[in-house]
Amino acid sequence: MLIIAGELWILRYRFRMLTCSLVVGDVPKEAWINPQGGHLGRQVRVWPDPVIFRQVIIPYLVRKLDVGSNEAAK
């Protein structure tokens, strides 16, 4: 599970909710938090959706899919 957030969003909706999401459960989780970002880490002209997709979401998916393919090959 990948959690994407911005610091401004965390301040508004409580840091506790984010930390509980990361700790609870048995599924490995990662978080990407943009300290200057708002909802989903967006930041005008710096971290728009296409940049977040290319630099955060795609690399995450590649790492996760690579792990699965290595386990399947064993």
PDB file of N, CA and C in Angstrom:
ATOM      1  N   MET A   1       0.848  -1.168   0.000  1.00  0.00           N
ATOM      2  CA  MET A   1       0.000   0.000   0.000  1.00  0.00           C
ATOM      3  C   MET A   1       0.891   1.227   0.000  1.00  0.00           C
ATOM      4  N   LEU A   2       0.567   2.173  -0.841  1.00  0.00           N
ATOM      5  CA  LEU A   2       1.283   3.444  -0.906  1.00  0.00           C
ATOM      6  C   LEU A   2       0.349   4.553  -0.462  1.00  0.00           C
ATOM      7  N   ILE A   3       0.781   5.320   0.523  1.00  0.00           N
ATOM      8  CA  ILE A   3       0.009   6.466   0.990  1.00  0.00           C
ATOM      9  C   ILE A   3       0.715   7.717   0.487  1.00  0.00           C
ATOM     10  N   ILE A   4      -0.017   8.561  -0.214  1.00  0.00           N
ATOM     11  CA  ILE A   4       0.530   9.796  -0.769  1.00  0.00           C
ATOM     12  C   ILE A   4      -0.185  10.960  -0.096  1.00  0.00           C
ATOM     13  N   ALA A   5       0.599  11.879   0.467  1.00  0.00           N
ATOM     14  CA  ALA A   5      -0.026  12.998   1.175  1.00  0.00           C
ATOM     15  C   ALA A   5       0.881  14.218   1.137  1.00  0.00           C
ATOM     16  N   GLY A   6       0.321  15.334   1.497  1.00  0.00           N
ATOM     17  CA  GLY A   6       1.073  16.569   1.654  1.00  0.00           C
ATOM     18  C   GLY A   6       1.009  17.018   3.098  1.00  0.00           C
ATOM     19  N   GLU A   7       2.022  17.710   3.522  1.00  0.00           N
ATOM     20  CA  GLU A   7       2.087  18.178   4.904  1.00  0.00           C
ATOM     21  C   GLU A   7       0.890  19.058   5.251  1.00  0.00           C
ATOM     22  N   LEU A   8       0.457  19.889   4.314  1.00  0.00           N
ATOM     23  CA  LEU A   8      -0.689  20.753   4.579  1.00  0.00           C
ATOM     24  C   LEU A   8      -1.941  19.917   4.821  1.00  0.00           C
ATOM     25  N   TRP A   9      -2.076  18.819   4.080  1.00  0.00           N
ATOM     26  CA  TRP A   9      -3.213  17.918   4.272  1.00  0.00           C
ATOM     27  C   TRP A   9      -3.123  17.249   5.632  1.00  0.00           C
ATOM     28  N   ILE A  10      -1.912  16.824   6.010  1.00  0.00           N
ATOM     29  CA  ILE A  10      -1.725  16.150   7.298  1.00  0.00           C
ATOM     30  C   ILE A  10      -2.065  17.087   8.442  1.00  0.00           C
ATOM     31  N   LEU A  11      -1.611  18.337   8.354  1.00  0.00           N
ATOM     32  CA  LEU A  11      -1.925  19.283   9.419  1.00  0.00           C
ATOM     33  C   LEU A  11      -3.424  19.490   9.549  1.00  0.00           C
ATOM     34  N   ARG A  12      -4.120  19.481   8.428  1.00  0.00           N
ATOM     35  CA  ARG A  12      -5.553  19.710   8.448  1.00  0.00           C
ATOM     36  C   ARG A  12      -6.318  18.488   8.964  1.00  0.00           C
ATOM     37  N   TYR A  13      -5.896  17.294   8.566  1.00  0.00           N
ATOM     38  CA  TYR A  13      -6.666  16.093   8.882  1.00  0.00           C
ATOM     39  C   TYR A  13      -6.009  15.185   9.911  1.00  0.00           C
ATOM     40  N   ARG A  14      -5.068  15.695  10.611  1.00  0.00           N
ATOM     41  CA  ARG A  14      -4.459  15.015  11.742  1.00  0.00           C
ATOM     42  C   ARG A  14      -3.395  14.005  11.346  1.00  0.00           C
ATOM     43  N   PHE A  15      -2.265  14.199  11.939  1.00  0.00           N
ATOM     44  CA  PHE A  15      -1.137  13.301  11.724  1.00  0.00           C
ATOM     45  C   PHE A  15      -1.448  11.911  12.262  1.00  0.00           C
ATOM     46  N   ARG A  16      -2.254  11.840  13.292  1.00  0.00           N
ATOM     47  CA  ARG A  16      -2.585  10.554  13.917  1.00  0.00           C
ATOM     48  C   ARG A  16      -3.252   9.608  12.924  1.00  0.00           C
ATOM     49  N   MET A  17      -4.125  10.130  12.089  1.00  0.00           N
ATOM     50  CA  MET A  17      -4.809   9.285  11.113  1.00  0.00           C
ATOM     51  C   MET A  17      -3.803   8.655  10.156  1.00  0.00           C
ATOM     52  N   LEU A  18      -2.813   9.428   9.708  1.00  0.00           N
ATOM     53  CA  LEU A  18      -1.803   8.907   8.797  1.00  0.00           C
ATOM     54  C   LEU A  18      -0.950   7.845   9.480  1.00  0.00           C
ATOM     55  N   THR A  19      -0.490   8.117  10.687  1.00  0.00           N
ATOM     56  CA  THR A  19       0.362   7.144  11.364  1.00  0.00           C
ATOM     57  C   THR A  19      -0.400   5.867  11.679  1.00  0.00           C
ATOM     58  N   CYS A  20      -1.665   5.960  12.026  1.00  0.00           N
ATOM     59  CA  CYS A  20      -2.465   4.757  12.260  1.00  0.00           C
ATOM     60  C   CYS A  20      -2.606   3.954  10.973  1.00  0.00           C
ATOM     61  N   SER A  21      -2.783   4.624   9.863  1.00  0.00           N
ATOM     62  CA  SER A  21      -2.892   3.938   8.580  1.00  0.00           C
ATOM     63  C   SER A  21      -1.620   3.181   8.257  1.00  0.00           C
ATOM     64  N   LEU A  22      -0.472   3.728   8.639  1.00  0.00           N
ATOM     65  CA  LEU A  22       0.804   3.073   8.353  1.00  0.00           C
ATOM     66  C   LEU A  22       1.099   1.913   9.291  1.00  0.00           C
ATOM     67  N   VAL A  23       0.628   1.986  10.524  1.00  0.00           N
ATOM     68  CA  VAL A  23       0.991   0.994  11.531  1.00  0.00           C
ATOM     69  C   VAL A  23       0.014  -0.177  11.600  1.00  0.00           C
ATOM     70  N   VAL A  24      -1.265   0.075  11.437  1.00  0.00           N
ATOM     71  CA  VAL A  24      -2.281  -0.949  11.633  1.00  0.00           C
ATOM     72  C   VAL A  24      -2.319  -1.916  10.450  1.00  0.00           C
ATOM     73  N   GLY A  25      -2.479  -3.191  10.755  1.00  0.00           N
ATOM     74  CA  GLY A  25      -2.618  -4.198   9.720  1.00  0.00           C
ATOM     75  C   GLY A  25      -1.316  -4.928   9.438  1.00  0.00           C
ATOM     76  N   ASP A  26      -1.426  -5.957   8.599  1.00  0.00           N
ATOM     77  CA  ASP A  26      -0.262  -6.790   8.313  1.00  0.00           C
ATOM     78  C   ASP A  26       0.266  -6.604   6.896  1.00  0.00           C
ATOM     79  N   VAL A  27      -0.207  -5.589   6.198  1.00  0.00           N
ATOM     80  CA  VAL A  27       0.231  -5.316   4.832  1.00  0.00           C
ATOM     81  C   VAL A  27       1.374  -4.305   4.880  1.00  0.00           C
ATOM     82  N   PRO A  28       2.513  -4.578   4.209  1.00  0.00           N
ATOM     83  CA  PRO A  28       3.589  -3.585   4.179  1.00  0.00           C
ATOM     84  C   PRO A  28       3.113  -2.280   3.539  1.00  0.00           C
ATOM     85  N   LYS A  29       3.542  -1.169   4.101  1.00  0.00           N
ATOM     86  CA  LYS A  29       3.083   0.127   3.613  1.00  0.00           C
ATOM     87  C   LYS A  29       4.262   1.071   3.434  1.00  0.00           C
ATOM     88  N   GLU A  30       4.115   1.997   2.519  1.00  0.00           N
ATOM     89  CA  GLU A  30       5.085   3.063   2.292  1.00  0.00           C
ATOM     90  C   GLU A  30       4.314   4.373   2.235  1.00  0.00           C
ATOM     91  N   ALA A  31       5.018   5.457   2.534  1.00  0.00           N
ATOM     92  CA  ALA A  31       4.377   6.770   2.448  1.00  0.00           C
ATOM     93  C   ALA A  31       5.297   7.734   1.723  1.00  0.00           C
ATOM     94  N   TRP A  32       4.704   8.590   0.910  1.00  0.00           N
ATOM     95  CA  TRP A  32       5.410   9.705   0.279  1.00  0.00           C
ATOM     96  C   TRP A  32       4.681  10.953   0.726  1.00  0.00           C
ATOM     97  N   ILE A  33       5.405  11.814   1.434  1.00  0.00           N
ATOM     98  CA  ILE A  33       4.798  13.030   1.965  1.00  0.00           C
ATOM     99  C   ILE A  33       5.587  14.228   1.452  1.00  0.00           C
ATOM    100  N   ASN A  34       4.899  15.116   0.768  1.00  0.00           N
ATOM    101  CA  ASN A  34       5.507  16.354   0.283  1.00  0.00           C
ATOM    102  C   ASN A  34       5.293  17.412   1.361  1.00  0.00           C
ATOM    103  N   PRO A  35       6.368  17.881   1.999  1.00  0.00           N
ATOM    104  CA  PRO A  35       6.211  18.840   3.090  1.00  0.00           C
ATOM    105  C   PRO A  35       5.541  20.152   2.687  1.00  0.00           C
ATOM    106  N   GLN A  36       5.598  20.502   1.410  1.00  0.00           N
ATOM    107  CA  GLN A  36       4.988  21.735   0.933  1.00  0.00           C
ATOM    108  C   GLN A  36       3.663  21.485   0.222  1.00  0.00           C
ATOM    109  N   GLY A  37       3.244  20.225   0.145  1.00  0.00           N
ATOM    110  CA  GLY A  37       2.090  19.868  -0.665  1.00  0.00           C
ATOM    111  C   GLY A  37       0.772  19.882   0.081  1.00  0.00           C
ATOM    112  N   GLY A  38      -0.274  19.849  -0.706  1.00  0.00           N
ATOM    113  CA  GLY A  38      -1.625  19.764  -0.170  1.00  0.00           C
ATOM    114  C   GLY A  38      -2.163  18.359  -0.365  1.00  0.00           C
ATOM    115  N   HIS A  39      -3.412  18.255  -0.763  1.00  0.00           N
ATOM    116  CA  HIS A  39      -4.071  16.968  -0.965  1.00  0.00           C
ATOM    117  C   HIS A  39      -3.305  16.123  -1.977  1.00  0.00           C
ATOM    118  N   LEU A  40      -3.008  14.881  -1.632  1.00  0.00           N
ATOM    119  CA  LEU A  40      -2.222  13.952  -2.448  1.00  0.00           C
ATOM    120  C   LEU A  40      -0.827  14.483  -2.772  1.00  0.00           C
ATOM    121  N   GLY A  41      -0.319  15.383  -1.956  1.00  0.00           N
ATOM    122  CA  GLY A  41       1.036  15.890  -2.135  1.00  0.00           C
ATOM    123  C   GLY A  41       1.197  16.906  -3.249  1.00  0.00           C
ATOM    124  N   ARG A  42       0.102  17.304  -3.857  1.00  0.00           N
ATOM    125  CA  ARG A  42       0.190  18.247  -4.984  1.00  0.00           C
ATOM    126  C   ARG A  42       0.764  19.589  -4.540  1.00  0.00           C
ATOM    127  N   GLN A  43       1.584  20.153  -5.431  1.00  0.00           N
ATOM    128  CA  GLN A  43       2.132  21.484  -5.217  1.00  0.00           C
ATOM    129  C   GLN A  43       2.202  22.163  -6.579  1.00  0.00           C
ATOM    130  N   VAL A  44       1.575  23.304  -6.707  1.00  0.00           N
ATOM    131  CA  VAL A  44       1.476  24.000  -7.987  1.00  0.00           C
ATOM    132  C   VAL A  44       2.860  24.212  -8.592  1.00  0.00           C
ATOM    133  N   ARG A  45       3.010  23.834  -9.856  1.00  0.00           N
ATOM    134  CA  ARG A  45       4.222  23.993 -10.672  1.00  0.00           C
ATOM    135  C   ARG A  45       5.409  23.166 -10.205  1.00  0.00           C
ATOM    136  N   VAL A  46       5.315  22.466  -9.075  1.00  0.00           N
ATOM    137  CA  VAL A  46       6.434  21.661  -8.587  1.00  0.00           C
ATOM    138  C   VAL A  46       6.066  20.181  -8.599  1.00  0.00           C
ATOM    139  N   TRP A  47       4.949  19.829  -8.008  1.00  0.00           N
ATOM    140  CA  TRP A  47       4.470  18.452  -7.933  1.00  0.00           C
ATOM    141  C   TRP A  47       3.031  18.352  -8.434  1.00  0.00           C
ATOM    142  N   PRO A  48       2.788  18.611  -9.720  1.00  0.00           N
ATOM    143  CA  PRO A  48       1.446  18.382 -10.269  1.00  0.00           C
ATOM    144  C   PRO A  48       1.225  16.876 -10.455  1.00  0.00           C
ATOM    145  N   ASP A  49       0.011  16.482 -10.759  1.00  0.00           N
ATOM    146  CA  ASP A  49      -0.324  15.060 -10.893  1.00  0.00           C
ATOM    147  C   ASP A  49       0.613  14.273 -11.815  1.00  0.00           C
ATOM    148  N   PRO A  50       0.932  14.776 -13.029  1.00  0.00           N
ATOM    149  CA  PRO A  50       1.801  13.973 -13.905  1.00  0.00           C
ATOM    150  C   PRO A  50       3.188  13.713 -13.311  1.00  0.00           C
ATOM    151  N   VAL A  51       3.732  14.668 -12.573  1.00  0.00           N
ATOM    152  CA  VAL A  51       5.054  14.489 -11.962  1.00  0.00           C
ATOM    153  C   VAL A  51       4.969  13.482 -10.818  1.00  0.00           C
ATOM    154  N   ILE A  52       3.952  13.580  -9.995  1.00  0.00           N
ATOM    155  CA  ILE A  52       3.759  12.609  -8.906  1.00  0.00           C
ATOM    156  C   ILE A  52       3.590  11.219  -9.500  1.00  0.00           C
ATOM    157  N   PHE A  53       2.846  11.111 -10.573  1.00  0.00           N
ATOM    158  CA  PHE A  53       2.627   9.818 -11.215  1.00  0.00           C
ATOM    159  C   PHE A  53       3.954   9.230 -11.704  1.00  0.00           C
ATOM    160  N   ARG A  54       4.761  10.054 -12.404  1.00  0.00           N
ATOM    161  CA  ARG A  54       6.032   9.575 -12.966  1.00  0.00           C
ATOM    162  C   ARG A  54       7.086   9.297 -11.907  1.00  0.00           C
ATOM    163  N   GLN A  55       7.192  10.141 -10.895  1.00  0.00           N
ATOM    164  CA  GLN A  55       8.302  10.034  -9.953  1.00  0.00           C
ATOM    165  C   GLN A  55       7.977   9.312  -8.655  1.00  0.00           C
ATOM    166  N   VAL A  56       6.696   9.103  -8.371  1.00  0.00           N
ATOM    167  CA  VAL A  56       6.323   8.439  -7.118  1.00  0.00           C
ATOM    168  C   VAL A  56       5.543   7.152  -7.385  1.00  0.00           C
ATOM    169  N   ILE A  57       4.449   7.249  -8.105  1.00  0.00           N
ATOM    170  CA  ILE A  57       3.555   6.102  -8.282  1.00  0.00           C
ATOM    171  C   ILE A  57       4.165   5.032  -9.183  1.00  0.00           C
ATOM    172  N   ILE A  58       4.697   5.414 -10.343  1.00  0.00           N
ATOM    173  CA  ILE A  58       5.276   4.424 -11.264  1.00  0.00           C
ATOM    174  C   ILE A  58       6.456   3.693 -10.622  1.00  0.00           C
ATOM    175  N   PRO A  59       7.431   4.389 -10.006  1.00  0.00           N
ATOM    176  CA  PRO A  59       8.521   3.648  -9.352  1.00  0.00           C
ATOM    177  C   PRO A  59       8.028   2.703  -8.250  1.00  0.00           C
ATOM    178  N   TYR A  60       7.010   3.118  -7.516  1.00  0.00           N
ATOM    179  CA  TYR A  60       6.430   2.244  -6.482  1.00  0.00           C
ATOM    180  C   TYR A  60       5.863   0.977  -7.123  1.00  0.00           C
ATOM    181  N   LEU A  61       5.095   1.157  -8.183  1.00  0.00           N
ATOM    182  CA  LEU A  61       4.504   0.001  -8.860  1.00  0.00           C
ATOM    183  C   LEU A  61       5.570  -0.911  -9.454  1.00  0.00           C
ATOM    184  N   VAL A  62       6.612  -0.342 -10.020  1.00  0.00           N
ATOM    185  CA  VAL A  62       7.707  -1.146 -10.577  1.00  0.00           C
ATOM    186  C   VAL A  62       8.362  -1.976  -9.480  1.00  0.00           C
ATOM    187  N   ARG A  63       8.623  -1.359  -8.314  1.00  0.00           N
ATOM    188  CA  ARG A  63       9.212  -2.118  -7.194  1.00  0.00           C
ATOM    189  C   ARG A  63       8.297  -3.249  -6.759  1.00  0.00           C
ATOM    190  N   LYS A  64       7.015  -2.973  -6.642  1.00  0.00           N
ATOM    191  CA  LYS A  64       6.083  -3.998  -6.176  1.00  0.00           C
ATOM    192  C   LYS A  64       5.915  -5.120  -7.198  1.00  0.00           C
ATOM    193  N   LEU A  65       5.829  -4.781  -8.469  1.00  0.00           N
ATOM    194  CA  LEU A  65       5.668  -5.801  -9.504  1.00  0.00           C
ATOM    195  C   LEU A  65       6.938  -6.613  -9.670  1.00  0.00           C
ATOM    196  N   ASP A  66       8.096  -6.007  -9.468  1.00  0.00           N
ATOM    197  CA  ASP A  66       9.360  -6.721  -9.574  1.00  0.00           C
ATOM    198  C   ASP A  66       9.479  -7.767  -8.477  1.00  0.00           C
ATOM    199  N   VAL A  67       9.060  -7.437  -7.257  1.00  0.00           N
ATOM    200  CA  VAL A  67       9.099  -8.395  -6.147  1.00  0.00           C
ATOM    201  C   VAL A  67       8.237  -9.602  -6.480  1.00  0.00           C
ATOM    202  N   GLY A  68       7.058  -9.377  -6.992  1.00  0.00           N
ATOM    203  CA  GLY A  68       6.164 -10.474  -7.348  1.00  0.00           C
ATOM    204  C   GLY A  68       6.743 -11.356  -8.442  1.00  0.00           C
ATOM    205  N   SER A  69       7.388 -10.765  -9.440  1.00  0.00           N
ATOM    206  CA  SER A  69       7.941 -11.562 -10.528  1.00  0.00           C
ATOM    207  C   SER A  69       9.127 -12.383 -10.061  1.00  0.00           C
ATOM    208  N   ASN A  70       9.915 -11.867  -9.128  1.00  0.00           N
ATOM    209  CA  ASN A  70      11.040 -12.635  -8.575  1.00  0.00           C
ATOM    210  C   ASN A  70      10.547 -13.819  -7.762  1.00  0.00           C
ATOM    211  N   GLU A  71       9.500 -13.641  -7.000  1.00  0.00           N
ATOM    212  CA  GLU A  71       8.955 -14.738  -6.204  1.00  0.00           C
ATOM    213  C   GLU A  71       8.323 -15.788  -7.102  1.00  0.00           C
ATOM    214  N   ALA A  72       7.693 -15.354  -8.178  1.00  0.00           N
ATOM    215  CA  ALA A  72       7.058 -16.307  -9.093  1.00  0.00           C
ATOM    216  C   ALA A  72       8.099 -17.129  -9.839  1.00  0.00           C
ATOM    217  N   ALA A  73       9.293 -16.568 -10.070  1.00  0.00           N
ATOM    218  CA  ALA A  73      10.327 -17.275 -10.812  1.00  0.00           C
ATOM    219  C   ALA A  73      11.004 -18.344  -9.967  1.00  0.00           C
ATOM    220  N   LYS A  74      10.887 -18.292  -8.639  1.00  0.00           N
ATOM    221  CA  LYS A  74      11.549 -19.275  -7.775  1.00  0.00           C
ATOM    222  C   LYS A  74      10.898 -20.630  -7.823  1.00  0.00           C
TER     223      LYS A  74
END
